[in-house]
C-alpha cells in the first residue's frame, strides 16, 4: 500500500507540503492544488491515510493533516536493502574508479 500511495506525483507533492507546513487543514491542502479540486485532494488524502503515511486530526469542524506514523521508513529501508543487494560484491570495483565515479567505457 505504501508504494501505491507513493506512486502518484500529486500524493508525493501533498507529502512534501505536509513536511513543510504545520498541520494544514484539508481546505489548505486543496487550495495548494487548485487544478485538481477538493474531491480529488480528499481521495489522495484517503490513500495516504490508508497507507499510514498521513494522520488526520479532527479540530472542531476542520480536519488537519500531518505526516503519519512513518510507514515511509519501512519503504525506505526496503528500497535501501534492495539497492545495496544489487551492488557488486567486489569491493574493488568502486576503488578502481576515480573517487568511486562511473566506469570508463571499454574501447575496442
PDB file of N, CA and C in Angstrom:
ATOM      1  N   UNK A   1       0.802  -1.193   0.000  1.00  0.00           N
ATOM      2  CA  UNK A   1       0.000   0.000   0.000  1.00  0.00           C
ATOM      3  C   UNK A   1       0.853   1.269   0.000  1.00  0.00           C
ATOM      4  N   UNK A   2       1.986   1.224   0.677  1.00  0.00           N
ATOM      5  CA  UNK A   2       2.861   2.394   0.734  1.00  0.00           C
ATOM      6  C   UNK A   2       3.356   2.750  -0.658  1.00  0.00           C
ATOM      7  N   UNK A   3       3.788   1.740  -1.421  1.00  0.00           N
ATOM      8  CA  UNK A   3       4.310   2.016  -2.755  1.00  0.00           C
ATOM      9  C   UNK A   3       3.213   2.540  -3.673  1.00  0.00           C
ATOM     10  N   UNK A   4       2.016   2.011  -3.541  1.00  0.00           N
ATOM     11  CA  UNK A   4       0.895   2.520  -4.337  1.00  0.00           C
ATOM     12  C   UNK A   4       0.654   3.991  -4.008  1.00  0.00           C
ATOM     13  N   UNK A   5       0.707   4.326  -2.739  1.00  0.00           N
ATOM     14  CA  UNK A   5       0.488   5.715  -2.326  1.00  0.00           C
ATOM     15  C   UNK A   5       1.580   6.632  -2.855  1.00  0.00           C
ATOM     16  N   UNK A   6       2.806   6.149  -2.875  1.00  0.00           N
ATOM     17  CA  UNK A   6       3.934   6.973  -3.322  1.00  0.00           C
ATOM     18  C   UNK A   6       4.066   7.017  -4.840  1.00  0.00           C
ATOM     19  N   UNK A   7       3.279   6.218  -5.536  1.00  0.00           N
ATOM     20  CA  UNK A   7       3.388   6.113  -6.989  1.00  0.00           C
ATOM     21  C   UNK A   7       2.743   7.285  -7.736  1.00  0.00           C
ATOM     22  N   UNK A   8       2.135   8.196  -7.018  1.00  0.00           N
ATOM     23  CA  UNK A   8       1.436   9.308  -7.661  1.00  0.00           C
ATOM     24  C   UNK A   8       2.130  10.632  -7.334  1.00  0.00           C
ATOM     25  N   UNK A   9       2.378  11.446  -8.349  1.00  0.00           N
ATOM     26  CA  UNK A   9       3.094  12.717  -8.165  1.00  0.00           C
ATOM     27  C   UNK A   9       2.327  13.677  -7.256  1.00  0.00           C
ATOM     28  N   UNK A  10       1.005  13.696  -7.358  1.00  0.00           N
ATOM     29  CA  UNK A  10       0.219  14.593  -6.503  1.00  0.00           C
ATOM     30  C   UNK A  10       0.338  14.180  -5.048  1.00  0.00           C
ATOM     31  N   UNK A  11       0.274  12.878  -4.782  1.00  0.00           N
ATOM     32  CA  UNK A  11       0.401  12.419  -3.396  1.00  0.00           C
ATOM     33  C   UNK A  11       1.786  12.727  -2.846  1.00  0.00           C
ATOM     34  N   UNK A  12       2.816  12.586  -3.684  1.00  0.00           N
ATOM     35  CA  UNK A  12       4.167  12.946  -3.228  1.00  0.00           C
ATOM     36  C   UNK A  12       4.243  14.443  -2.939  1.00  0.00           C
ATOM     37  N   UNK A  13       3.570  15.250  -3.752  1.00  0.00           N
ATOM     38  CA  UNK A  13       3.552  16.701  -3.521  1.00  0.00           C
ATOM     39  C   UNK A  13       2.799  17.039  -2.232  1.00  0.00           C
ATOM     40  N   UNK A  14       1.728  16.316  -1.952  1.00  0.00           N
ATOM     41  CA  UNK A  14       0.993  16.520  -0.698  1.00  0.00           C
ATOM     42  C   UNK A  14       1.892  16.180   0.484  1.00  0.00           C
ATOM     43  N   UNK A  15       2.631  15.092   0.397  1.00  0.00           N
ATOM     44  CA  UNK A  15       3.561  14.734   1.477  1.00  0.00           C
ATOM     45  C   UNK A  15       4.614  15.816   1.672  1.00  0.00           C
ATOM     46  N   UNK A  16       5.119  16.362   0.579  1.00  0.00           N
ATOM     47  CA  UNK A  16       6.110  17.441   0.676  1.00  0.00           C
ATOM     48  C   UNK A  16       5.492  18.666   1.349  1.00  0.00           C
ATOM     49  N   UNK A  17       4.248  18.972   1.013  1.00  0.00           N
ATOM     50  CA  UNK A  17       3.550  20.089   1.647  1.00  0.00           C
ATOM     51  C   UNK A  17       3.412  19.853   3.148  1.00  0.00           C
ATOM     52  N   UNK A  18       3.026  18.636   3.522  1.00  0.00           N
ATOM     53  CA  UNK A  18       2.865  18.316   4.943  1.00  0.00           C
ATOM     54  C   UNK A  18       4.193  18.372   5.690  1.00  0.00           C
ATOM     55  N   UNK A  19       5.272  18.073   5.002  1.00  0.00           N
ATOM     56  CA  UNK A  19       6.590  18.140   5.633  1.00  0.00           C
ATOM     57  C   UNK A  19       7.003  19.587   5.884  1.00  0.00           C
ATOM     58  N   UNK A  20       6.460  20.512   5.098  1.00  0.00           N
ATOM     59  CA  UNK A  20       6.880  21.908   5.223  1.00  0.00           C
ATOM     60  C   UNK A  20       5.887  22.782   5.989  1.00  0.00           C
ATOM     61  N   UNK A  21       4.676  22.323   6.193  1.00  0.00           N
ATOM     62  CA  UNK A  21       3.661  23.117   6.888  1.00  0.00           C
ATOM     63  C   UNK A  21       3.201  22.384   8.139  1.00  0.00           C
ATOM     64  N   UNK A  22       2.797  23.152   9.145  1.00  0.00           N
ATOM     65  CA  UNK A  22       2.348  22.555  10.402  1.00  0.00           C
ATOM     66  C   UNK A  22       0.849  22.279  10.364  1.00  0.00           C
ATOM     67  N   UNK A  23       0.499  21.029  10.207  1.00  0.00           N
ATOM     68  CA  UNK A  23      -0.878  20.537  10.268  1.00  0.00           C
ATOM     69  C   UNK A  23      -1.887  21.395   9.499  1.00  0.00           C
ATOM     70  N   UNK A  24      -1.731  21.493   8.172  1.00  0.00           N
ATOM     71  CA  UNK A  24      -2.716  22.247   7.384  1.00  0.00           C
ATOM     72  C   UNK A  24      -4.064  21.527   7.380  1.00  0.00           C
ATOM     73  N   UNK A  25      -5.113  22.294   7.167  1.00  0.00           N
ATOM     74  CA  UNK A  25      -6.445  21.699   7.047  1.00  0.00           C
ATOM     75  C   UNK A  25      -6.594  21.102   5.651  1.00  0.00           C
ATOM     76  N   UNK A  26      -7.631  20.305   5.489  1.00  0.00           N
ATOM     77  CA  UNK A  26      -7.913  19.742   4.164  1.00  0.00           C
ATOM     78  C   UNK A  26      -8.133  20.869   3.159  1.00  0.00           C
ATOM     79  N   UNK A  27      -8.779  21.956   3.593  1.00  0.00           N
ATOM     80  CA  UNK A  27      -9.000  23.105   2.718  1.00  0.00           C
ATOM     81  C   UNK A  27      -7.699  23.780   2.309  1.00  0.00           C
ATOM     82  N   UNK A  28      -6.753  23.880   3.251  1.00  0.00           N
ATOM     83  CA  UNK A  28      -5.435  24.453   2.941  1.00  0.00           C
ATOM     84  C   UNK A  28      -4.722  23.610   1.885  1.00  0.00           C
ATOM     85  N   UNK A  29      -4.811  22.304   2.057  1.00  0.00           N
ATOM     86  CA  UNK A  29      -4.146  21.396   1.113  1.00  0.00           C
ATOM     87  C   UNK A  29      -4.806  21.515  -0.262  1.00  0.00           C
ATOM     88  N   UNK A  30      -6.144  21.525  -0.284  1.00  0.00           N
ATOM     89  CA  UNK A  30      -6.865  21.659  -1.557  1.00  0.00           C
ATOM     90  C   UNK A  30      -6.528  22.982  -2.237  1.00  0.00           C
ATOM     91  N   UNK A  31      -6.358  24.050  -1.459  1.00  0.00           N
ATOM     92  CA  UNK A  31      -6.017  25.358  -2.032  1.00  0.00           C
ATOM     93  C   UNK A  31      -4.646  25.334  -2.701  1.00  0.00           C
ATOM     94  N   UNK A  32      -3.766  24.477  -2.222  1.00  0.00           N
ATOM     95  CA  UNK A  32      -2.430  24.361  -2.817  1.00  0.00           C
ATOM     96  C   UNK A  32      -2.460  23.596  -4.139  1.00  0.00           C
ATOM     97  N   UNK A  33      -3.571  22.911  -4.420  1.00  0.00           N
ATOM     98  CA  UNK A  33      -3.713  22.116  -5.640  1.00  0.00           C
ATOM     99  C   UNK A  33      -5.020  22.477  -6.349  1.00  0.00           C
ATOM    100  N   UNK A  34      -5.170  23.737  -6.776  1.00  0.00           N
ATOM    101  CA  UNK A  34      -6.449  24.171  -7.361  1.00  0.00           C
ATOM    102  C   UNK A  34      -6.811  23.459  -8.661  1.00  0.00           C
ATOM    103  N   UNK A  35      -5.846  22.947  -9.363  1.00  0.00           N
ATOM    104  CA  UNK A  35      -6.118  22.307 -10.658  1.00  0.00           C
ATOM    105  C   UNK A  35      -6.864  20.986 -10.516  1.00  0.00           C
ATOM    106  N   UNK A  36      -6.770  20.347  -9.354  1.00  0.00           N
ATOM    107  CA  UNK A  36      -7.408  19.030  -9.232  1.00  0.00           C
ATOM    108  C   UNK A  36      -8.675  19.046  -8.385  1.00  0.00           C
ATOM    109  N   UNK A  37      -8.909  20.077  -7.601  1.00  0.00           N
ATOM    110  CA  UNK A  37     -10.145  20.196  -6.840  1.00  0.00           C
ATOM    111  C   UNK A  37     -10.142  19.449  -5.518  1.00  0.00           C
ATOM    112  N   UNK A  38     -11.107  19.831  -4.681  1.00  0.00           N
ATOM    113  CA  UNK A  38     -11.202  19.280  -3.317  1.00  0.00           C
ATOM    114  C   UNK A  38     -11.480  17.777  -3.292  1.00  0.00           C
ATOM    115  N   UNK A  39     -12.360  17.330  -4.171  1.00  0.00           N
ATOM    116  CA  UNK A  39     -12.727  15.911  -4.168  1.00  0.00           C
ATOM    117  C   UNK A  39     -11.518  15.036  -4.466  1.00  0.00           C
ATOM    118  N   UNK A  40     -10.733  15.426  -5.451  1.00  0.00           N
ATOM    119  CA  UNK A  40      -9.533  14.653  -5.796  1.00  0.00           C
ATOM    120  C   UNK A  40      -8.506  14.719  -4.673  1.00  0.00           C
ATOM    121  N   UNK A  41      -8.350  15.891  -4.049  1.00  0.00           N
ATOM    122  CA  UNK A  41      -7.413  16.012  -2.924  1.00  0.00           C
ATOM    123  C   UNK A  41      -7.860  15.101  -1.790  1.00  0.00           C
ATOM    124  N   UNK A  42      -9.162  15.070  -1.509  1.00  0.00           N
ATOM    125  CA  UNK A  42      -9.684  14.183  -0.461  1.00  0.00           C
ATOM    126  C   UNK A  42      -9.387  12.724  -0.771  1.00  0.00           C
ATOM    127  N   UNK A  43      -9.534  12.346  -2.032  1.00  0.00           N
ATOM    128  CA  UNK A  43      -9.238  10.962  -2.428  1.00  0.00           C
ATOM    129  C   UNK A  43      -7.753  10.656  -2.233  1.00  0.00           C
ATOM    130  N   UNK A  44      -6.892  11.597  -2.599  1.00  0.00           N
ATOM    131  CA  UNK A  44      -5.449  11.402  -2.397  1.00  0.00           C
ATOM    132  C   UNK A  44      -5.122  11.299  -0.908  1.00  0.00           C
ATOM    133  N   UNK A  45      -5.741  12.145  -0.090  1.00  0.00           N
ATOM    134  CA  UNK A  45      -5.501  12.092   1.357  1.00  0.00           C
ATOM    135  C   UNK A  45      -5.963  10.756   1.935  1.00  0.00           C
ATOM    136  N   UNK A  46      -7.059  10.223   1.412  1.00  0.00           N
ATOM    137  CA  UNK A  46      -7.556   8.923   1.883  1.00  0.00           C
ATOM    138  C   UNK A  46      -6.539   7.817   1.585  1.00  0.00           C
ATOM    139  N   UNK A  47      -5.973   7.836   0.378  1.00  0.00           N
ATOM    140  CA  UNK A  47      -4.958   6.834   0.017  1.00  0.00           C
ATOM    141  C   UNK A  47      -3.749   6.963   0.940  1.00  0.00           C
ATOM    142  N   UNK A  48      -3.314   8.191   1.183  1.00  0.00           N
ATOM    143  CA  UNK A  48      -2.160   8.417   2.062  1.00  0.00           C
ATOM    144  C   UNK A  48      -2.467   7.991   3.498  1.00  0.00           C
ATOM    145  N   UNK A  49      -3.694   8.240   3.944  1.00  0.00           N
ATOM    146  CA  UNK A  49      -4.111   7.820   5.288  1.00  0.00           C
ATOM    147  C   UNK A  49      -4.141   6.302   5.386  1.00  0.00           C
ATOM    148  N   UNK A  50      -4.713   5.651   4.374  1.00  0.00           N
ATOM    149  CA  UNK A  50      -4.789   4.187   4.377  1.00  0.00           C
ATOM    150  C   UNK A  50      -3.402   3.553   4.405  1.00  0.00           C
ATOM    151  N   UNK A  51      -2.438   4.222   3.793  1.00  0.00           N
ATOM    152  CA  UNK A  51      -1.056   3.726   3.789  1.00  0.00           C
ATOM    153  C   UNK A  51      -0.299   4.146   5.046  1.00  0.00           C
ATOM    154  N   UNK A  52      -0.977   4.843   5.936  1.00  0.00           N
ATOM    155  CA  UNK A  52      -0.410   5.339   7.193  1.00  0.00           C
ATOM    156  C   UNK A  52       0.759   6.301   6.975  1.00  0.00           C
ATOM    157  N   UNK A  53       0.743   6.978   5.851  1.00  0.00           N
ATOM    158  CA  UNK A  53       1.753   8.000   5.590  1.00  0.00           C
ATOM    159  C   UNK A  53       1.299   9.351   6.119  1.00  0.00           C
ATOM    160  N   UNK A  54      -0.005   9.471   6.379  1.00  0.00           N
ATOM    161  CA  UNK A  54      -0.606  10.715   6.843  1.00  0.00           C
ATOM    162  C   UNK A  54      -1.546  10.397   7.996  1.00  0.00           C
ATOM    163  N   UNK A  55      -1.569  11.277   8.990  1.00  0.00           N
ATOM    164  CA  UNK A  55      -2.524  11.172  10.094  1.00  0.00           C
ATOM    165  C   UNK A  55      -3.512  12.322   9.995  1.00  0.00           C
ATOM    166  N   UNK A  56      -4.743  12.030  10.374  1.00  0.00           N
ATOM    167  CA  UNK A  56      -5.794  13.046  10.367  1.00  0.00           C
ATOM    168  C   UNK A  56      -6.126  13.414  11.806  1.00  0.00           C
ATOM    169  N   UNK A  57      -6.192  14.718  12.074  1.00  0.00           N
ATOM    170  CA  UNK A  57      -6.551  15.209  13.401  1.00  0.00           C
ATOM    171  C   UNK A  57      -7.825  16.024  13.244  1.00  0.00           C
ATOM    172  N   UNK A  58      -8.847  15.665  13.985  1.00  0.00           N
ATOM    173  CA  UNK A  58     -10.095  16.434  13.919  1.00  0.00           C
ATOM    174  C   UNK A  58      -9.982  17.611  14.881  1.00  0.00           C
ATOM    175  N   UNK A  59     -10.266  18.795  14.342  1.00  0.00           N
ATOM    176  CA  UNK A  59     -10.155  20.042  15.099  1.00  0.00           C
ATOM    177  C   UNK A  59     -11.453  20.816  14.899  1.00  0.00           C
ATOM    178  N   UNK A  60     -12.453  20.498  15.722  1.00  0.00           N
ATOM    179  CA  UNK A  60     -13.764  21.109  15.534  1.00  0.00           C
ATOM    180  C   UNK A  60     -14.350  20.674  14.205  1.00  0.00           C
ATOM    181  N   UNK A  61     -14.669  21.634  13.355  1.00  0.00           N
ATOM    182  CA  UNK A  61     -15.226  21.329  12.035  1.00  0.00           C
ATOM    183  C   UNK A  61     -14.145  20.936  11.034  1.00  0.00           C
ATOM    184  N   UNK A  62     -12.918  21.221  11.364  1.00  0.00           N
ATOM    185  CA  UNK A  62     -11.822  21.018  10.415  1.00  0.00           C
ATOM    186  C   UNK A  62     -11.102  19.694  10.652  1.00  0.00           C
ATOM    187  N   UNK A  63     -10.515  19.225   9.597  1.00  0.00           N
ATOM    188  CA  UNK A  63      -9.621  18.066   9.681  1.00  0.00           C
ATOM    189  C   UNK A  63      -8.238  18.569   9.319  1.00  0.00           C
ATOM    190  N   UNK A  64      -7.299  18.336  10.199  1.00  0.00           N
ATOM    191  CA  UNK A  64      -5.918  18.743   9.955  1.00  0.00           C
ATOM    192  C   UNK A  64      -5.110  17.492   9.634  1.00  0.00           C
ATOM    193  N   UNK A  65      -4.064  17.686   8.881  1.00  0.00           N
ATOM    194  CA  UNK A  65      -3.248  16.553   8.447  1.00  0.00           C
ATOM    195  C   UNK A  65      -1.790  16.781   8.794  1.00  0.00           C
ATOM    196  N   UNK A  66      -1.124  15.683   9.101  1.00  0.00           N
ATOM    197  CA  UNK A  66       0.322  15.706   9.336  1.00  0.00           C
ATOM    198  C   UNK A  66       0.892  14.382   8.856  1.00  0.00           C
ATOM    199  N   UNK A  67       2.206  14.349   8.725  1.00  0.00           N
ATOM    200  CA  UNK A  67       2.841  13.095   8.325  1.00  0.00           C
ATOM    201  C   UNK A  67       2.518  12.033   9.354  1.00  0.00           C
ATOM    202  N   UNK A  68       2.276  10.826   8.886  1.00  0.00           N
ATOM    203  CA  UNK A  68       1.806   9.747   9.733  1.00  0.00           C
ATOM    204  C   UNK A  68       2.891   9.045  10.518  1.00  0.00           C
ATOM    205  N   UNK A  69       2.549   7.872  11.024  1.00  0.00           N
ATOM    206  CA  UNK A  69       3.464   7.128  11.892  1.00  0.00           C
ATOM    207  C   UNK A  69       4.629   6.489  11.145  1.00  0.00           C
ATOM    208  N   UNK A  70       4.979   7.059  10.032  1.00  0.00           N
ATOM    209  CA  UNK A  70       6.199   6.746   9.284  1.00  0.00           C
ATOM    210  C   UNK A  70       6.330   5.328   8.775  1.00  0.00           C
ATOM    211  N   UNK A  71       5.303   4.872   8.095  1.00  0.00           N
ATOM    212  CA  UNK A  71       5.460   3.647   7.326  1.00  0.00           C
ATOM    213  C   UNK A  71       6.444   3.903   6.193  1.00  0.00           C
ATOM    214  N   UNK A  72       6.689   5.185   5.886  1.00  0.00           N
ATOM    215  CA  UNK A  72       7.667   5.525   4.850  1.00  0.00           C
ATOM    216  C   UNK A  72       9.043   5.008   5.239  1.00  0.00           C
ATOM    217  N   UNK A  73       9.340   4.989   6.537  1.00  0.00           N
ATOM    218  CA  UNK A  73      10.626   4.454   6.986  1.00  0.00           C
ATOM    219  C   UNK A  73      10.794   3.003   6.551  1.00  0.00           C
ATOM    220  N   UNK A  74       9.714   2.243   6.632  1.00  0.00           N
ATOM    221  CA  UNK A  74       9.748   0.848   6.213  1.00  0.00           C
ATOM    222  C   UNK A  74      10.027   0.751   4.718  1.00  0.00           C
ATOM    223  N   UNK A  75       9.358   1.583   3.932  1.00  0.00           N
ATOM    224  CA  UNK A  75       9.561   1.572   2.480  1.00  0.00           C
ATOM    225  C   UNK A  75      10.982   1.981   2.124  1.00  0.00           C
ATOM    226  N   UNK A  76      11.486   3.006   2.791  1.00  0.00           N
ATOM    227  CA  UNK A  76      12.851   3.471   2.524  1.00  0.00           C
ATOM    228  C   UNK A  76      13.861   2.387   2.880  1.00  0.00           C
ATOM    229  N   UNK A  77      13.668   1.741   4.022  1.00  0.00           N
ATOM    230  CA  UNK A  77      14.580   0.666   4.428  1.00  0.00           C
ATOM    231  C   UNK A  77      14.539  -0.482   3.427  1.00  0.00           C
ATOM    232  N   UNK A  78      13.350  -0.815   2.945  1.00  0.00           N
ATOM    233  CA  UNK A  78      13.200  -1.878   1.961  1.00  0.00           C
ATOM    234  C   UNK A  78      13.936  -1.530   0.674  1.00  0.00           C
ATOM    235  N   UNK A  79      13.730  -0.302   0.169  1.00  0.00           N
ATOM    236  CA  UNK A  79      14.405   0.123  -1.061  1.00  0.00           C
ATOM    237  C   UNK A  79      15.918   0.166  -0.879  1.00  0.00           C
ATOM    238  N   UNK A  80      16.369   0.624   0.276  1.00  0.00           N
ATOM    239  CA  UNK A  80      17.805   0.664   0.546  1.00  0.00           C
ATOM    240  C   UNK A  80      18.387  -0.754   0.529  1.00  0.00           C
ATOM    241  N   UNK A  81      17.668  -1.696   1.127  1.00  0.00           N
ATOM    242  CA  UNK A  81      18.132  -3.083   1.157  1.00  0.00           C
ATOM    243  C   UNK A  81      18.230  -3.647  -0.260  1.00  0.00           C
ATOM    244  N   UNK A  82      17.226  -3.401  -1.084  1.00  0.00           N
ATOM    245  CA  UNK A  82      17.258  -3.883  -2.468  1.00  0.00           C
ATOM    246  C   UNK A  82      18.421  -3.252  -3.216  1.00  0.00           C
ATOM    247  N   UNK A  83      18.602  -1.948  -3.050  1.00  0.00           N
ATOM    248  CA  UNK A  83      19.690  -1.247  -3.726  1.00  0.00           C
ATOM    249  C   UNK A  83      21.040  -1.818  -3.298  1.00  0.00           C
ATOM    250  N   UNK A  84      21.231  -1.990  -1.999  1.00  0.00           N
ATOM    251  CA  UNK A  84      22.515  -2.493  -1.509  1.00  0.00           C
ATOM    252  C   UNK A  84      22.774  -3.919  -1.979  1.00  0.00           C
ATOM    253  N   UNK A  85      21.726  -4.724  -2.093  1.00  0.00           N
ATOM    254  CA  UNK A  85      21.891  -6.091  -2.578  1.00  0.00           C
ATOM    255  C   UNK A  85      22.241  -6.112  -4.057  1.00  0.00           C
ATOM    256  N   UNK A  86      21.867  -5.072  -4.781  1.00  0.00           N
ATOM    257  CA  UNK A  86      22.145  -5.040  -6.214  1.00  0.00           C
ATOM    258  C   UNK A  86      23.557  -4.566  -6.524  1.00  0.00           C
ATOM    259  N   UNK A  87      24.250  -4.017  -5.537  1.00  0.00           N
ATOM    260  CA  UNK A  87      25.617  -3.543  -5.757  1.00  0.00           C
ATOM    261  C   UNK A  87      26.563  -4.723  -5.919  1.00  0.00           C
ATOM    262  N   UNK A  88      27.627  -4.550  -6.698  1.00  0.00           N
ATOM    263  CA  UNK A  88      28.606  -5.632  -6.839  1.00  0.00           C
ATOM    264  C   UNK A  88      29.215  -5.973  -5.482  1.00  0.00           C
ATOM    265  N   UNK A  89      29.442  -7.257  -5.277  1.00  0.00           N
ATOM    266  CA  UNK A  89      30.031  -7.672  -4.004  1.00  0.00           C
ATOM    267  C   UNK A  89      31.530  -7.450  -3.976  1.00  0.00           C
ATOM    268  N   UNK A  90      32.143  -7.255  -5.142  1.00  0.00           N
ATOM    269  CA  UNK A  90      33.578  -6.987  -5.216  1.00  0.00           C
ATOM    270  C   UNK A  90      33.825  -5.548  -4.788  1.00  0.00           C
ATOM    271  N   UNK A  91      34.372  -5.370  -3.622  1.00  0.00           N
ATOM    272  CA  UNK A  91      34.616  -4.034  -3.092  1.00  0.00           C
ATOM    273  C   UNK A  91      35.626  -3.253  -3.922  1.00  0.00           C
ATOM    274  N   UNK A  92      36.436  -3.947  -4.716  1.00  0.00           N
ATOM    275  CA  UNK A  92      37.448  -3.282  -5.517  1.00  0.00           C
ATOM    276  C   UNK A  92      36.886  -2.542  -6.711  1.00  0.00           C
ATOM    277  N   UNK A  93      35.643  -2.800  -7.093  1.00  0.00           N
ATOM    278  CA  UNK A  93      35.062  -2.171  -8.275  1.00  0.00           C
ATOM    279  C   UNK A  93      35.036  -0.657  -8.110  1.00  0.00           C
ATOM    280  N   UNK A  94      34.494  -0.163  -7.017  1.00  0.00           N
ATOM    281  CA  UNK A  94      34.424   1.282  -6.802  1.00  0.00           C
ATOM    282  C   UNK A  94      35.811   1.863  -6.567  1.00  0.00           C
ATOM    283  N   UNK A  95      36.680   1.107  -5.941  1.00  0.00           N
ATOM    284  CA  UNK A  95      38.022   1.608  -5.648  1.00  0.00           C
ATOM    285  C   UNK A  95      38.841   1.780  -6.919  1.00  0.00           C
ATOM    286  N   UNK A  96      38.537   1.008  -7.964  1.00  0.00           N
ATOM    287  CA  UNK A  96      39.271   1.107  -9.221  1.00  0.00           C
ATOM    288  C   UNK A  96      38.924   2.380  -9.990  1.00  0.00           C
ATOM    289  N   UNK A  97      37.768   2.961  -9.697  1.00  0.00           N
ATOM    290  CA  UNK A  97      37.338   4.164 -10.403  1.00  0.00           C
ATOM    291  C   UNK A  97      37.768   5.392  -9.616  1.00  0.00           C
ATOM    292  N   UNK A  98      38.123   6.468 -10.310  1.00  0.00           N
ATOM    293  CA  UNK A  98      38.496   7.688  -9.597  1.00  0.00           C
ATOM    294  C   UNK A  98      37.342   8.190  -8.739  1.00  0.00           C
ATOM    295  N   UNK A  99      37.569   8.314  -7.459  1.00  0.00           N
ATOM    296  CA  UNK A  99      36.593   8.806  -6.489  1.00  0.00           C
ATOM    297  C   UNK A  99      35.275   8.051  -6.560  1.00  0.00           C
ATOM    298  N   UNK A 100      35.333   6.765  -6.886  1.00  0.00           N
ATOM    299  CA  UNK A 100      34.130   5.945  -6.935  1.00  0.00           C
ATOM    300  C   UNK A 100      33.181   6.339  -8.049  1.00  0.00           C
ATOM    301  N   UNK A 101      33.658   7.075  -9.039  1.00  0.00           N
ATOM    302  CA  UNK A 101      32.822   7.576 -10.132  1.00  0.00           C
ATOM    303  C   UNK A 101      32.461   6.490 -11.117  1.00  0.00           C
ATOM    304  N   UNK A 102      31.817   6.868 -12.213  1.00  0.00           N
ATOM    305  CA  UNK A 102      31.386   5.879 -13.208  1.00  0.00           C
ATOM    306  C   UNK A 102      32.567   5.221 -13.901  1.00  0.00           C
ATOM    307  N   UNK A 103      32.330   4.022 -14.345  1.00  0.00           N
ATOM    308  CA  UNK A 103      33.373   3.285 -15.063  1.00  0.00           C
ATOM    309  C   UNK A 103      33.616   3.919 -16.417  1.00  0.00           C
ATOM    310  N   UNK A 104      34.843   3.825 -16.869  1.00  0.00           N
ATOM    311  CA  UNK A 104      35.166   4.311 -18.210  1.00  0.00           C
ATOM    312  C   UNK A 104      34.732   3.264 -19.218  1.00  0.00           C
ATOM    313  N   UNK A 105      34.274   3.713 -20.378  1.00  0.00           N
ATOM    314  CA  UNK A 105      33.848   2.797 -21.435  1.00  0.00           C
ATOM    315  C   UNK A 105      35.065   2.068 -21.982  1.00  0.00           C
ATOM    316  N   UNK A 106      34.880   0.775 -22.236  1.00  0.00           N
ATOM    317  CA  UNK A 106      35.963  -0.015 -22.816  1.00  0.00           C
ATOM    318  C   UNK A 106      36.065   0.298 -24.296  1.00  0.00           C
ATOM    319  N   UNK A 107      37.274   0.431 -24.777  1.00  0.00           N
ATOM    320  CA  UNK A 107      37.455   0.673 -26.207  1.00  0.00           C
ATOM    321  C   UNK A 107      37.858  -0.619 -26.884  1.00  0.00           C
ATOM    322  N   UNK A 108      37.403  -0.751 -28.105  1.00  0.00           N
ATOM    323  CA  UNK A 108      37.900  -1.839 -28.888  1.00  0.00           C
ATOM    324  C   UNK A 108      36.999  -2.916 -29.090  1.00  0.00           C
TER     325      UNK A 108
END
